[in-house]
Amino acid sequence: MALLGTIAGFSLFGLAARFGQLAIKKRNLMENLGGHALSMGVFGYAGYWAYQWDERAAVMLAQKRAEITERRDRKLAQAA
């Protein structure tokens, strides 16, 4: 569910960014719906990428913590 929430959040941010662009230009917000879909798709993909990156980082951090704990235990065993 977190993946879907991340993608939806980034997509809605993309839609808001698109509306902001059109508002600055003072153009009709519902003029080009394809542009909205493209913006939401690009930002949704960025959300998917960010989620995957976060998952990989969590795995790498867990491995690093396990390595540090193992090294610490070996040092304590050698010192004793």
C-alpha atoms as a PDB file:
ATOM      1  CA  MET A   1       0.000   0.000   0.000  1.00  0.00           C
ATOM      2  CA  ALA A   2       2.923   2.320   0.629  1.00  0.00           C
ATOM      3  CA  LEU A   3       4.022   1.960  -2.989  1.00  0.00           C
ATOM      4  CA  LEU A   4       0.599   2.972  -4.273  1.00  0.00           C
ATOM      5  CA  GLY A   5       0.475   5.910  -1.868  1.00  0.00           C
ATOM      6  CA  THR A   6       3.906   7.116  -2.944  1.00  0.00           C
ATOM      7  CA  ILE A   7       3.046   6.915  -6.637  1.00  0.00           C
ATOM      8  CA  ALA A   8      -0.324   8.621  -6.102  1.00  0.00           C
ATOM      9  CA  GLY A   9       1.263  11.377  -4.022  1.00  0.00           C
ATOM     10  CA  PHE A  10       3.942  12.102  -6.593  1.00  0.00           C
ATOM     11  CA  SER A  11       1.340  11.996  -9.391  1.00  0.00           C
ATOM     12  CA  LEU A  12      -0.859  14.514  -7.616  1.00  0.00           C
ATOM     13  CA  PHE A  13       2.176  16.716  -7.085  1.00  0.00           C
ATOM     14  CA  GLY A  14       2.811  16.472 -10.836  1.00  0.00           C
ATOM     15  CA  LEU A  15      -0.763  17.531 -11.535  1.00  0.00           C
ATOM     16  CA  ALA A  16      -0.396  20.471  -9.149  1.00  0.00           C
ATOM     17  CA  ALA A  17       2.861  21.454 -10.850  1.00  0.00           C
ATOM     18  CA  ARG A  18       1.114  21.339 -14.237  1.00  0.00           C
ATOM     19  CA  PHE A  19      -1.729  23.502 -12.935  1.00  0.00           C
ATOM     20  CA  GLY A  20       0.851  25.903 -11.536  1.00  0.00           C
ATOM     21  CA  GLN A  21       2.585  26.137 -14.913  1.00  0.00           C
ATOM     22  CA  LEU A  22      -0.661  26.901 -16.694  1.00  0.00           C
ATOM     23  CA  ALA A  23      -1.738  29.405 -14.038  1.00  0.00           C
ATOM     24  CA  ILE A  24       1.526  31.329 -14.426  1.00  0.00           C
ATOM     25  CA  LYS A  25       0.910  31.488 -18.169  1.00  0.00           C
ATOM     26  CA  LYS A  26      -2.745  32.429 -17.469  1.00  0.00           C
ATOM     27  CA  ARG A  27      -4.009  29.638 -19.719  1.00  0.00           C
ATOM     28  CA  ASN A  28      -7.122  27.495 -19.361  1.00  0.00           C
ATOM     29  CA  LEU A  29      -6.411  24.705 -16.869  1.00  0.00           C
ATOM     30  CA  MET A  30      -8.482  22.140 -18.768  1.00  0.00           C
ATOM     31  CA  GLU A  31      -7.114  22.987 -22.208  1.00  0.00           C
ATOM     32  CA  ASN A  32      -4.719  20.093 -22.825  1.00  0.00           C
ATOM     33  CA  LEU A  33      -5.578  17.004 -20.790  1.00  0.00           C
ATOM     34  CA  GLY A  34      -2.793  14.995 -22.420  1.00  0.00           C
ATOM     35  CA  GLY A  35      -0.261  17.317 -20.843  1.00  0.00           C
ATOM     36  CA  HIS A  36      -1.801  16.651 -17.433  1.00  0.00           C
ATOM     37  CA  ALA A  37      -1.614  12.894 -17.985  1.00  0.00           C
ATOM     38  CA  LEU A  38       1.993  13.128 -19.129  1.00  0.00           C
ATOM     39  CA  SER A  39       2.968  15.226 -16.118  1.00  0.00           C
ATOM     40  CA  MET A  40       1.235  12.842 -13.738  1.00  0.00           C
ATOM     41  CA  GLY A  41       2.890   9.855 -15.417  1.00  0.00           C
ATOM     42  CA  VAL A  42       6.365  11.347 -15.198  1.00  0.00           C
ATOM     43  CA  PHE A  43       5.959  12.349 -11.569  1.00  0.00           C
ATOM     44  CA  GLY A  44       4.348   8.972 -10.775  1.00  0.00           C
ATOM     45  CA  TYR A  45       7.373   7.211 -12.232  1.00  0.00           C
ATOM     46  CA  ALA A  46       9.607   9.451 -10.108  1.00  0.00           C
ATOM     47  CA  GLY A  47       7.569   8.340  -7.076  1.00  0.00           C
ATOM     48  CA  TYR A  48       8.023   4.684  -8.033  1.00  0.00           C
ATOM     49  CA  TRP A  49      11.766   5.241  -8.408  1.00  0.00           C
ATOM     50  CA  ALA A  50      11.958   7.034  -5.045  1.00  0.00           C
ATOM     51  CA  TYR A  51      10.107   4.155  -3.358  1.00  0.00           C
ATOM     52  CA  GLN A  52      12.424   1.544  -4.882  1.00  0.00           C
ATOM     53  CA  TRP A  53      15.459   3.614  -3.901  1.00  0.00           C
ATOM     54  CA  ASP A  54      14.196   3.822  -0.322  1.00  0.00           C
ATOM     55  CA  GLU A  55      13.652   0.046  -0.202  1.00  0.00           C
ATOM     56  CA  ARG A  56      17.151  -0.673  -1.532  1.00  0.00           C
ATOM     57  CA  ALA A  57      18.660   1.787   0.944  1.00  0.00           C
ATOM     58  CA  ALA A  58      16.864   0.078   3.833  1.00  0.00           C
ATOM     59  CA  VAL A  59      18.254  -3.308   2.784  1.00  0.00           C
ATOM     60  CA  MET A  60      21.769  -1.909   2.419  1.00  0.00           C
ATOM     61  CA  LEU A  61      21.562  -0.250   5.840  1.00  0.00           C
ATOM     62  CA  ALA A  62      20.399  -3.501   7.454  1.00  0.00           C
ATOM     63  CA  GLN A  63      23.313  -5.378   5.871  1.00  0.00           C
ATOM     64  CA  LYS A  64      25.774  -2.734   7.024  1.00  0.00           C
ATOM     65  CA  ARG A  65      24.400  -2.846  10.571  1.00  0.00           C
ATOM     66  CA  ALA A  66      24.741  -6.644  10.591  1.00  0.00           C
ATOM     67  CA  GLU A  67      28.364  -6.363   9.402  1.00  0.00           C
ATOM     68  CA  ILE A  68      29.169  -3.793  12.084  1.00  0.00           C
ATOM     69  CA  THR A  69      27.575  -5.953  14.783  1.00  0.00           C
ATOM     70  CA  GLU A  70      29.493  -8.999  13.558  1.00  0.00           C
ATOM     71  CA  ARG A  71      32.799  -7.097  13.586  1.00  0.00           C
ATOM     72  CA  ARG A  72      32.070  -5.758  17.065  1.00  0.00           C
ATOM     73  CA  ASP A  73      31.305  -9.241  18.360  1.00  0.00           C
ATOM     74  CA  ARG A  74      34.541 -10.609  16.852  1.00  0.00           C
ATOM     75  CA  LYS A  75      36.560  -7.825  18.466  1.00  0.00           C
ATOM     76  CA  LEU A  76      34.987  -8.517  21.850  1.00  0.00           C
ATOM     77  CA  ALA A  77      35.665 -12.251  21.456  1.00  0.00           C
ATOM     78  CA  GLN A  78      39.331 -11.579  20.595  1.00  0.00           C
ATOM     79  CA  ALA A  79      39.750  -9.167  23.514  1.00  0.00           C
ATOM     80  CA  ALA A  80      38.318 -11.662  26.006  1.00  0.00           C
END
